[in-house]
Protein backbone atom coordinates (compact mmCIF):
# COMPACT_ATOMS: atom_id res chain seq x y z
CA MET A 1 -2.56 6.53 -22.20
CA ARG A 2 -6.00 5.79 -23.27
CA ASN A 3 -6.82 2.28 -22.14
CA VAL A 4 -6.10 1.70 -18.23
CA VAL A 5 -6.84 -1.86 -16.97
CA ILE A 6 -7.12 -2.40 -13.25
CA ILE A 7 -6.70 -5.80 -12.02
CA GLY A 8 -8.24 -6.11 -8.86
CA VAL A 9 -10.95 -3.28 -8.23
CA GLY A 10 -11.10 -3.07 -4.55
CA LEU A 11 -10.15 -0.05 -2.39
CA ILE A 12 -6.81 0.79 -3.89
CA GLY A 13 -7.56 -0.45 -7.40
CA GLY A 14 -11.24 1.57 -7.25
CA SER A 15 -9.87 4.60 -5.83
CA PHE A 16 -6.96 4.87 -8.40
CA ALA A 17 -9.83 4.69 -11.16
CA LEU A 18 -11.60 7.32 -9.42
CA ALA A 19 -8.77 9.45 -9.03
CA LEU A 20 -7.85 9.44 -12.45
CA ARG A 21 -11.47 10.44 -13.41
CA GLU A 22 -11.32 13.16 -10.97
CA ALA A 23 -7.89 14.41 -12.27
CA GLY A 24 -9.41 14.49 -16.19
CA PHE A 25 -8.64 11.10 -17.53
CA ASP A 26 -11.01 10.61 -20.56
CA GLY A 27 -10.02 7.38 -21.66
CA ALA A 28 -11.60 3.78 -21.11
CA ILE A 29 -10.90 2.04 -17.49
CA THR A 30 -11.87 -1.89 -17.45
CA GLY A 31 -11.92 -3.75 -14.44
CA VAL A 32 -10.69 -7.28 -13.98
CA SER A 33 -12.35 -8.79 -10.83
CA SER A 34 -14.80 -11.09 -9.44
CA PRO A 35 -18.26 -10.83 -11.11
CA ALA A 36 -19.79 -9.29 -7.80
CA THR A 37 -17.03 -6.82 -7.66
CA ILE A 38 -17.35 -6.05 -10.99
CA ALA A 39 -21.22 -5.36 -10.82
CA GLU A 40 -20.59 -2.99 -7.79
CA ALA A 41 -17.73 -1.11 -9.70
CA LEU A 42 -20.05 -0.76 -12.49
CA ARG A 43 -22.84 0.62 -10.30
CA LEU A 44 -20.52 3.02 -8.61
CA GLY A 45 -19.40 4.28 -12.11
CA VAL A 46 -15.69 3.25 -10.92
CA VAL A 47 -15.02 1.30 -14.18
CA ASP A 48 -16.43 1.54 -17.43
CA ARG A 49 -16.51 -2.49 -18.01
CA GLY A 50 -15.70 -5.87 -16.80
CA ALA A 51 -13.81 -8.29 -18.79
CA PRO A 52 -11.53 -11.73 -18.31
CA LEU A 53 -7.52 -10.88 -17.87
CA GLU A 54 -6.67 -11.67 -21.65
CA GLU A 55 -9.51 -9.37 -23.29
CA ALA A 56 -8.85 -6.67 -20.72
CA CYS A 57 -5.07 -6.43 -21.44
CA ALA A 58 -5.12 -7.04 -25.11
CA GLY A 59 -5.41 -3.09 -25.99
CA ALA A 60 -4.12 -1.82 -22.58
CA ASP A 61 -1.68 1.05 -22.64
CA LEU A 62 -1.76 0.84 -18.68
CA ILE A 63 -2.05 -2.28 -16.21
CA TYR A 64 -2.73 -1.78 -12.48
CA LEU A 65 -2.05 -4.46 -10.48
CA ALA A 66 -4.14 -3.65 -7.14
CA GLN A 67 -4.41 -7.15 -5.44
CA PRO A 68 -3.02 -8.77 -2.25
CA ILE A 69 0.79 -9.27 -3.04
CA SER A 70 0.36 -13.12 -3.70
CA ARG A 71 -1.98 -12.66 -6.21
CA ILE A 72 0.12 -9.86 -8.10
CA ILE A 73 3.03 -12.41 -8.21
CA ASP A 74 0.68 -15.27 -9.64
CA VAL A 75 -0.36 -12.76 -12.26
CA LEU A 76 3.02 -11.90 -13.14
CA TYR A 77 3.93 -15.71 -13.52
CA HIS A 78 1.02 -15.56 -16.64
CA LEU A 79 0.81 -11.88 -17.65
CA ASN A 80 3.17 -11.64 -20.47
CA PRO A 81 1.37 -13.29 -23.46
CA CYS A 82 -1.54 -10.98 -22.64
CA VAL A 83 0.01 -7.91 -22.79
CA PRO A 84 0.85 -5.65 -25.86
CA ALA A 85 4.37 -4.50 -26.62
CA GLY A 86 4.53 -0.83 -25.28
CA ALA A 87 2.44 -1.25 -22.18
CA LEU A 88 3.27 -0.23 -18.76
CA VAL A 89 2.44 -2.85 -15.95
CA THR A 90 2.50 -1.44 -12.60
CA ASP A 91 1.37 -2.66 -8.97
CA ALA A 92 0.16 -1.27 -5.71
CA GLY A 93 1.76 -4.01 -3.53
CA SER A 94 2.90 -3.34 0.05
CA THR A 95 6.46 -5.00 -0.45
CA LYS A 96 8.37 -4.60 -3.34
CA HIS A 97 11.67 -6.88 -3.63
CA ARG A 98 9.75 -10.11 -4.39
CA ILE A 99 7.03 -8.50 -7.23
CA VAL A 100 10.03 -6.57 -8.69
CA SER A 101 12.12 -9.43 -9.11
CA THR A 102 9.36 -11.74 -10.40
CA ALA A 103 8.25 -8.92 -12.98
CA GLN A 104 12.09 -8.73 -14.28
CA GLU A 105 12.21 -12.46 -14.75
CA HIS A 106 8.80 -13.22 -16.40
CA LEU A 107 7.63 -9.64 -18.35
CA THR A 108 9.54 -9.72 -21.41
CA ARG A 109 7.26 -8.05 -23.78
CA CYS A 110 6.41 -4.67 -21.93
CA ARG A 111 7.83 -2.40 -19.47
CA PHE A 112 7.10 -2.68 -15.57
CA LEU A 113 7.27 -0.23 -12.60
CA GLY A 114 6.98 -1.24 -9.28
CA GLY A 115 4.73 0.98 -7.22
CA HIS A 116 3.32 1.28 -3.63
CA PRO A 117 0.63 4.02 -2.73
CA MET A 118 1.22 4.84 1.04
CA ALA A 119 -2.55 5.47 1.69
CA GLY A 120 -5.32 3.20 2.78
CA LYS A 121 -8.27 2.79 5.35
CA GLU A 122 -9.38 -0.07 7.60
CA LEU A 123 -12.55 -0.57 5.21
CA ARG A 124 -12.14 -2.88 2.06
CA GLY A 125 -13.77 -3.33 -1.35
CA VAL A 126 -14.64 -0.91 -3.73
CA GLY A 127 -17.31 0.19 -1.87
CA ALA A 128 -14.72 1.89 0.39
CA ALA A 129 -12.77 3.69 -2.92
CA ASP A 130 -12.33 7.34 -2.81
CA ALA A 131 -11.02 9.70 -5.35
CA LEU A 132 -8.98 11.79 -2.76
CA LEU A 133 -7.53 8.69 -1.24
CA PHE A 134 -3.78 9.39 -2.62
CA ARG A 135 -3.91 13.19 -2.45
CA ASP A 136 -0.71 14.40 -0.45
CA ARG A 137 0.32 10.99 0.30
CA PRO A 138 3.66 9.44 -0.74
CA TYR A 139 3.46 7.11 -3.74
CA VAL A 140 6.64 5.14 -3.89
CA LEU A 141 8.26 4.21 -7.10
CA CYS A 142 10.84 1.58 -7.39
CA PRO A 143 12.18 1.59 -10.79
CA SER A 144 15.22 -0.94 -11.90
CA ASP A 145 16.32 1.90 -14.04
CA PRO A 146 16.00 5.34 -13.79
CA ALA A 147 14.41 5.97 -17.42
CA GLU A 148 11.44 3.72 -16.44
CA LEU A 149 10.33 7.00 -14.87
CA ASP A 150 9.92 8.56 -18.14
CA THR A 151 6.25 7.36 -18.75
CA GLU A 152 2.83 9.38 -18.64
CA PHE A 153 2.00 7.21 -15.81
CA VAL A 154 4.01 9.10 -13.35
CA GLY A 155 2.77 12.36 -14.82
CA TRP A 156 -0.97 11.11 -13.77
CA LEU A 157 0.36 10.40 -10.13
CA GLY A 158 1.12 14.13 -9.97
CA LYS A 159 -2.36 14.89 -11.17
CA ILE A 160 -4.11 12.77 -8.73
CA GLY A 161 -2.20 14.44 -6.23
CA ALA A 162 0.21 11.89 -4.52
CA ARG A 163 4.00 12.71 -3.84
CA VAL A 164 5.95 10.39 -5.80
CA VAL A 165 9.17 8.99 -3.81
CA VAL A 166 11.91 6.96 -5.68
CA LEU A 167 13.38 3.86 -3.75
CA GLY A 168 15.34 0.80 -4.65
CA ALA A 169 12.79 -2.34 -3.89
CA GLU A 170 14.82 -3.53 -0.76
CA GLU A 171 15.50 -0.13 0.88
CA HIS A 172 11.66 0.26 0.48
CA ASP A 173 11.05 -3.05 2.15
CA ARG A 174 13.36 -1.98 4.83
CA LEU A 175 11.72 1.43 5.62
CA VAL A 176 8.23 0.29 5.31
CA ALA A 177 8.83 -2.66 8.07
CA PHE A 178 9.57 0.40 10.45
CA SER A 179 7.14 2.92 9.38
CA SER A 180 4.25 0.81 8.51
CA HIS A 181 4.32 -2.95 9.25
CA LEU A 182 5.78 -2.53 12.78
CA ALA A 183 3.04 0.19 13.51
CA GLN A 184 0.51 -2.50 12.49
CA LEU A 185 2.05 -5.34 14.73
CA ALA A 186 2.50 -2.61 17.69
CA SER A 187 -1.27 -1.97 17.54
CA THR A 188 -2.22 -5.52 17.25
CA ALA A 189 0.07 -6.42 20.03
CA LEU A 190 -1.18 -3.60 22.37
CA ALA A 191 -5.04 -4.45 21.63
CA ALA A 192 -4.03 -8.41 22.22
CA THR A 193 -2.12 -7.58 25.40
CA ILE A 194 -5.44 -5.82 26.88
CA LEU A 195 -7.71 -8.45 25.80
CA GLU A 196 -5.78 -11.21 27.28
CA SER A 197 -4.48 -9.50 30.51
CA SER A 198 -6.80 -6.98 31.51
CA PRO A 199 -10.02 -6.58 29.43
CA GLU A 200 -11.88 -4.73 31.92
CA SER A 201 -9.68 -1.84 31.40
CA THR A 202 -11.68 -0.90 28.26
CA GLN A 203 -14.20 0.60 30.66
CA VAL A 204 -11.67 3.48 31.35
CA ALA A 205 -10.48 3.76 27.58
CA GLY A 206 -9.84 7.32 26.45
CA PRO A 207 -9.13 8.55 22.85
CA GLY A 208 -5.38 7.48 23.37
CA LEU A 209 -6.44 3.80 23.31
CA VAL A 210 -8.69 4.42 20.60
CA ASP A 211 -6.10 6.17 18.09
CA SER A 212 -3.55 3.47 19.47
CA THR A 213 -5.75 0.40 18.28
CA ARG A 214 -7.05 1.73 14.88
CA LEU A 215 -4.63 -0.30 12.87
CA ALA A 216 -5.50 -3.62 14.71
CA LEU A 217 -9.08 -3.23 13.16
CA SER A 218 -6.85 -4.70 9.78
CA GLY A 219 -7.47 -8.07 8.76
CA TYR A 220 -4.99 -11.02 9.03
CA GLU A 221 -5.60 -11.58 5.01
CA LEU A 222 -4.45 -8.23 3.94
CA TRP A 223 -1.22 -8.46 6.02
CA ARG A 224 -0.35 -12.30 5.76
CA ASP A 225 1.36 -11.91 2.37
CA ILE A 226 3.41 -8.62 3.50
CA PHE A 227 4.91 -10.59 6.74
CA ALA A 228 5.66 -13.66 4.26
CA THR A 229 7.30 -11.34 1.88
CA ASN A 230 9.40 -9.03 4.19
CA PRO A 231 10.53 -11.02 7.07
CA ALA A 232 13.79 -10.08 7.47
CA ALA A 233 13.12 -6.53 7.59
CA ILE A 234 10.09 -7.09 9.97
CA THR A 235 12.06 -9.02 12.40
CA GLU A 236 14.56 -6.28 12.27
CA ALA A 237 12.03 -3.50 13.37
CA LEU A 238 10.38 -6.00 15.92
CA THR A 239 13.88 -6.62 17.34
CA ALA A 240 14.47 -2.97 17.70
CA TYR A 241 10.93 -2.21 19.12
CA ILE A 242 11.16 -4.85 21.84
CA GLY A 243 14.55 -3.92 22.74
CA LYS A 244 13.25 -0.18 23.41
CA LEU A 245 10.30 -1.51 25.40
CA GLU A 246 12.79 -3.32 27.69
CA HIS A 247 14.84 -0.49 27.87
CA LEU A 248 11.88 1.72 29.21
CA ARG A 249 10.49 -1.05 31.45
CA GLU A 250 14.04 -1.08 33.13
CA ASN A 251 14.10 3.17 33.41
CA LEU A 252 10.48 3.54 34.77
CA ARG A 253 12.12 5.24 37.64
CA ASN A 254 14.86 7.52 36.52
CA ARG A 255 15.08 10.25 34.11
CA GLU A 256 16.59 8.21 31.13
CA LEU A 257 12.92 7.91 30.57
CA ALA A 258 12.49 11.54 29.92
CA ALA A 259 14.83 11.54 27.30
CA GLU A 260 12.80 8.95 25.46
CA PHE A 261 9.66 10.90 25.84
CA GLU A 262 11.62 14.11 24.25
CA ARG A 263 13.32 12.02 21.16
CA ALA A 264 9.44 10.59 20.47
CA ALA A 265 8.06 13.62 20.77
CA GLY A 266 10.47 15.01 18.21
CA LEU A 267 9.76 12.33 15.65
CA ALA A 268 5.80 12.74 16.41
CA ARG A 269 6.30 16.21 15.60
CA GLN A 270 8.33 15.74 12.43
CA ILE A 271 5.67 13.53 10.90
CA ARG A 272 3.05 15.93 11.66
CA GLY A 273 4.71 18.71 10.25
CA GLN A 274 5.55 16.71 7.14
CA ALA A 275 1.55 15.97 6.85
CA ASP A 276 0.92 19.68 7.33
CA ARG A 277 3.32 20.77 4.74
CA ALA A 278 2.02 18.14 2.20
């Protein structure tokens, strides 16, 4: 792998470029983004050069799609004529079924391996890129065939410190609906509820509210495509969560609430234990 093309040099694409360099990659990294973003990426040393899509992809070994989901899908519609035979195309989209199915239909000259790094920040843009963003974080791969994992790219994921998790595309979308998309909506709903019903309560806000509303800082533009491409799984997660909130409301005065606290604390300890072991 000597020539890497990153389409969408923002937080994730820029961090992937920096992580490769940190891990010892000494090939060429070309960015495809807006002129302003490329100028910033060059200034920060994130990419070696910028180029239009067709020119950048002509000699690529790896093409890394790190845009919003709708733009990844749009690129997949048009990428096939630009890609050399033998190249690998991968993506970092937050939902997988729609992207993987689009790639299977439209990419015929090269290989495709769907991916999703479970890492990020509230900040966006190449200025927030971080070489350590993927370290000790799950990096989901969604191969259509196990043989698709036999690629140098998977080895580089290990070198940058990511923990590879292999899932089917539909399974991925259901799991992240609970582990990620629900968390975002719960944080957004909490902040919106306080704003609408008791804004004065922020005068006595402690660190718990700060932690619980961290995800509410995320912009809708990033999440719009996620909601549009994973509605069934997100609806399932929201329905389960609303049911649990109603159950808590109905049991505020009895011991059933203690059991819920115990179960919830068990999961919280499990998650933190996994992070500590990583």
